[in-house]
Amino acid sequence: MPHRSSVVACTALAGLFALGPAATAYAHGDTIRLTVTGVAAGHPQFTAAWENDNDPVDERIAGTLSATAVDGTAVGPWRLVPVPGHPGALTTNEVLPPGHWTITAETAFPGLGRGEGVVDVPVVDPRPATTPSVATSTAATPPVATPPVGPTVPGGSPTSGPSGQPTDQSPNGSPKAASDHPSGWTRTFAALGVAAVSVAAIAAGVWFLRRSARP
């Protein structure tokens, strides 16, 4: 009798363990509500929540998306993929072209679901934004001081030489030739002439004194 009671207890416990996961799996219900939240860089965005308790669906979802433009253009079905780090968020790897779209998403696992919405995909300008140029300063640059130079002659050359001393200039603006200045021989002859005149004057004076001294 005790042995039969133990068998019944073990069978009941095994049944509870078997029913536990099944009860957990169906705690949220079996219907998924899909809501369109917009587009991100052309990728449509959805949220998936359980219809029964509005909890996000954090399980792997199998579903597709289709879209139709106002001109009748249709795309899809595209596979729904989860957004990393956001439980219950769905998107697609494909990008919707610019335009006004009516999109429909459907799921088959872990529950049936359907959602529909309207999104606008703007036209993106491919050209990079230009940086406004910086206005340059218009302040005048202070003049740079230059060393003074001597007056210029008609030829256009300054009268000061490399050392700052005036140089002799010819009437046509070029330096005088060396022949325009007295040479060394001329100065020597002039000195000799002066010496000769001095000697003659001294001799005349001596002669005059001697003559005056005679009785």
Protein backbone atom coordinates (compact mmCIF):
# COMPACT_ATOMS: atom_id res chain seq x y z
CA MET A 1 0.00 0.00 0.00
CA PRO A 2 2.71 2.53 0.84
CA HIS A 3 4.46 1.62 -2.37
CA ARG A 4 1.32 2.38 -4.39
CA SER A 5 0.96 5.79 -2.68
CA SER A 6 4.54 6.70 -3.59
CA VAL A 7 3.91 5.86 -7.23
CA VAL A 8 0.80 8.06 -7.34
CA ALA A 9 2.66 10.97 -5.74
CA CYS A 10 5.53 10.75 -8.21
CA THR A 11 3.11 10.60 -11.14
CA ALA A 12 1.29 13.72 -9.93
CA LEU A 13 4.55 15.61 -9.44
CA ALA A 14 5.70 14.69 -12.93
CA GLY A 15 2.42 15.94 -14.32
CA LEU A 16 2.84 19.28 -12.57
CA PHE A 17 6.34 19.69 -13.99
CA ALA A 18 5.01 18.88 -17.46
CA LEU A 19 2.14 21.35 -17.20
CA GLY A 20 4.31 24.13 -15.72
CA PRO A 21 6.07 25.23 -18.95
CA ALA A 22 2.84 24.91 -20.92
CA ALA A 23 1.04 27.16 -18.45
CA THR A 24 3.88 29.69 -18.60
CA ALA A 25 3.90 29.69 -22.41
CA TYR A 26 0.20 30.51 -22.60
CA ALA A 27 0.17 33.04 -19.75
CA HIS A 28 0.35 35.98 -22.26
CA GLY A 29 -2.29 34.59 -24.58
CA ASP A 30 -1.84 33.58 -28.20
CA THR A 31 -2.38 36.90 -30.04
CA ILE A 32 0.22 39.58 -30.77
CA ARG A 33 -0.61 43.24 -31.31
CA LEU A 34 1.69 45.02 -33.83
CA THR A 35 1.92 48.83 -33.77
CA VAL A 36 3.65 51.03 -36.35
CA THR A 37 5.92 53.57 -34.61
CA GLY A 38 7.58 55.27 -37.61
CA VAL A 39 10.69 55.00 -39.76
CA ALA A 40 14.38 55.33 -38.94
CA ALA A 41 16.62 56.15 -41.92
CA GLY A 42 14.04 54.48 -44.19
CA HIS A 43 13.62 51.36 -42.01
CA PRO A 44 10.01 50.86 -40.81
CA GLN A 45 9.64 50.42 -37.04
CA PHE A 46 7.11 48.25 -35.14
CA THR A 47 6.45 47.19 -31.57
CA ALA A 48 5.11 43.72 -30.75
CA ALA A 49 3.14 43.19 -27.51
CA TRP A 50 0.90 40.43 -26.23
CA GLU A 51 -2.76 41.25 -26.73
CA ASN A 52 -3.72 39.76 -23.36
CA ASP A 53 -1.44 41.69 -20.95
CA ASN A 54 0.39 44.20 -23.21
CA ASP A 55 3.79 42.76 -22.26
CA PRO A 56 6.47 43.12 -24.96
CA VAL A 57 7.15 39.97 -26.94
CA ASP A 58 10.72 39.12 -25.97
CA GLU A 59 10.77 35.81 -27.85
CA ARG A 60 11.99 35.16 -31.35
CA ILE A 61 9.32 36.42 -33.77
CA ALA A 62 8.64 35.07 -37.25
CA GLY A 63 6.85 37.62 -39.43
CA THR A 64 6.91 39.68 -42.63
CA LEU A 65 6.20 43.23 -43.79
CA SER A 66 4.64 44.53 -47.01
CA ALA A 67 4.21 48.15 -48.12
CA THR A 68 2.27 49.99 -50.84
CA ALA A 69 2.88 53.57 -52.07
CA VAL A 70 0.21 56.04 -53.17
CA ASP A 71 1.15 55.47 -56.83
CA GLY A 72 0.56 51.73 -56.49
CA THR A 73 4.20 50.69 -56.03
CA ALA A 74 4.42 47.61 -53.77
CA VAL A 75 7.43 46.17 -51.93
CA GLY A 76 7.84 43.06 -49.80
CA PRO A 77 7.25 40.79 -48.18
CA TRP A 78 10.33 41.60 -46.09
CA ARG A 79 11.33 39.61 -43.03
CA LEU A 80 10.87 41.25 -39.64
CA VAL A 81 14.04 41.38 -37.53
CA PRO A 82 14.42 42.40 -33.86
CA VAL A 83 16.02 45.71 -32.83
CA PRO A 84 18.99 44.86 -30.55
CA GLY A 85 18.56 46.04 -26.97
CA HIS A 86 14.85 46.83 -27.34
CA PRO A 87 12.51 43.93 -26.40
CA GLY A 88 9.46 43.75 -28.66
CA ALA A 89 10.89 46.24 -31.21
CA LEU A 90 10.92 45.11 -34.86
CA THR A 91 12.28 46.52 -38.11
CA THR A 92 13.53 45.32 -41.51
CA ASN A 93 16.95 45.08 -43.11
CA GLU A 94 15.53 46.69 -46.26
CA VAL A 95 14.91 50.43 -46.67
CA LEU A 96 11.72 52.01 -47.98
CA PRO A 97 12.22 54.50 -50.86
CA PRO A 98 11.13 58.11 -50.25
CA GLY A 99 7.36 58.53 -50.40
CA HIS A 100 4.05 58.00 -48.62
CA TRP A 101 3.60 54.32 -47.67
CA THR A 102 0.91 52.11 -46.15
CA ILE A 103 2.69 49.24 -44.40
CA THR A 104 1.31 45.99 -43.05
CA ALA A 105 3.12 43.55 -40.73
CA GLU A 106 2.03 40.01 -39.86
CA THR A 107 3.47 37.42 -37.44
CA ALA A 108 3.00 33.64 -37.28
CA PHE A 109 5.17 32.75 -34.26
CA PRO A 110 5.09 32.71 -31.25
CA GLY A 111 1.57 33.97 -31.92
CA LEU A 112 -0.60 35.33 -34.67
CA GLY A 113 -0.48 39.09 -35.10
CA ARG A 114 -1.24 41.85 -37.57
CA GLY A 115 -0.64 45.58 -37.65
CA GLU A 116 -1.07 48.35 -40.23
CA GLY A 117 0.00 51.98 -40.42
CA VAL A 118 1.04 54.90 -42.64
CA VAL A 119 4.53 56.38 -42.76
CA ASP A 120 6.30 59.07 -44.78
CA VAL A 121 9.89 58.55 -45.87
CA PRO A 122 11.54 61.91 -46.62
CA VAL A 123 13.99 62.59 -49.42
CA VAL A 124 17.53 62.75 -48.04
CA ASP A 125 19.92 65.23 -49.66
CA PRO A 126 23.09 63.26 -50.49
CA ARG A 127 25.23 66.40 -50.53
CA PRO A 128 27.17 67.04 -47.32
CA ALA A 129 26.32 70.12 -45.35
CA THR A 130 28.64 73.02 -46.09
CA THR A 131 30.36 74.91 -43.29
CA PRO A 132 29.87 78.69 -43.47
CA SER A 133 33.10 80.46 -44.25
CA VAL A 134 34.67 82.55 -41.54
CA ALA A 135 34.81 86.25 -42.35
CA THR A 136 38.37 87.49 -42.60
CA SER A 137 39.46 90.56 -40.72
CA THR A 138 39.61 93.76 -42.77
CA ALA A 139 41.76 95.66 -40.29
CA ALA A 140 44.56 97.54 -42.00
CA THR A 141 48.05 96.19 -41.52
CA PRO A 142 50.32 98.73 -39.81
CA PRO A 143 52.93 100.12 -42.20
CA VAL A 144 56.44 98.75 -41.90
CA ALA A 145 59.07 101.38 -41.13
CA THR A 146 61.82 101.68 -43.75
CA PRO A 147 65.26 103.19 -43.19
CA PRO A 148 65.60 106.74 -44.53
CA VAL A 149 67.62 107.27 -47.67
CA GLY A 150 69.19 110.36 -49.13
CA PRO A 151 67.62 112.48 -51.86
CA THR A 152 67.60 111.02 -55.30
CA VAL A 153 69.23 112.54 -58.32
CA PRO A 154 67.62 112.78 -61.75
CA GLY A 155 69.00 109.34 -62.59
CA GLY A 156 66.83 107.84 -59.79
CA SER A 157 69.72 106.63 -57.53
CA PRO A 158 69.98 107.69 -53.90
CA THR A 159 72.97 109.92 -53.07
CA SER A 160 73.94 107.88 -50.01
CA GLY A 161 76.31 104.95 -50.43
CA PRO A 162 76.28 101.59 -48.62
CA SER A 163 77.81 103.20 -45.50
CA GLY A 164 75.35 106.07 -45.45
CA GLN A 165 77.96 108.66 -46.65
CA PRO A 166 77.25 110.89 -49.66
CA THR A 167 79.00 109.89 -52.85
CA ASP A 168 80.07 112.14 -55.65
CA GLN A 169 77.74 112.01 -58.56
CA SER A 170 78.24 113.07 -62.13
CA PRO A 171 75.54 115.17 -63.84
CA ASN A 172 74.08 112.05 -65.46
CA GLY A 173 73.62 110.34 -62.07
CA SER A 174 76.70 108.03 -62.17
CA PRO A 175 79.67 108.28 -59.79
CA LYS A 176 82.51 110.50 -60.99
CA ALA A 177 85.45 108.74 -62.58
CA ALA A 178 88.75 108.58 -60.75
CA SER A 179 90.30 110.96 -63.29
CA ASP A 180 87.99 113.80 -62.04
CA HIS A 181 89.91 113.94 -58.71
CA PRO A 182 93.49 115.30 -58.32
CA SER A 183 96.05 112.53 -58.56
CA GLY A 184 98.86 111.88 -56.08
CA TRP A 185 101.52 113.31 -58.43
CA THR A 186 99.71 116.61 -58.70
CA ARG A 187 99.57 116.96 -54.95
CA THR A 188 103.34 116.15 -54.71
CA PHE A 189 104.28 118.83 -57.27
CA ALA A 190 102.18 121.40 -55.46
CA ALA A 191 103.93 120.59 -52.17
CA LEU A 192 107.38 120.94 -53.82
CA GLY A 193 106.42 124.31 -55.29
CA VAL A 194 105.36 125.60 -51.90
CA ALA A 195 108.64 124.37 -50.37
CA ALA A 196 110.71 126.07 -53.10
CA VAL A 197 108.93 129.38 -52.59
CA SER A 198 109.53 129.10 -48.84
CA VAL A 199 113.28 128.43 -49.32
CA ALA A 200 113.61 131.39 -51.71
CA ALA A 201 111.89 133.66 -49.24
CA ILE A 202 114.19 132.54 -46.42
CA ALA A 203 117.30 133.07 -48.60
CA ALA A 204 116.14 136.56 -49.56
CA GLY A 205 115.64 137.45 -45.94
CA VAL A 206 119.14 136.27 -44.94
CA TRP A 207 120.73 138.24 -47.77
CA PHE A 208 118.86 141.36 -46.77
CA LEU A 209 119.98 141.05 -43.15
CA ARG A 210 123.65 140.57 -44.08
CA ARG A 211 123.62 143.64 -46.33
CA SER A 212 122.09 145.76 -43.66
CA ALA A 213 124.75 144.73 -41.17
CA ARG A 214 127.70 146.01 -43.28
CA PRO A 215 129.20 149.51 -42.38
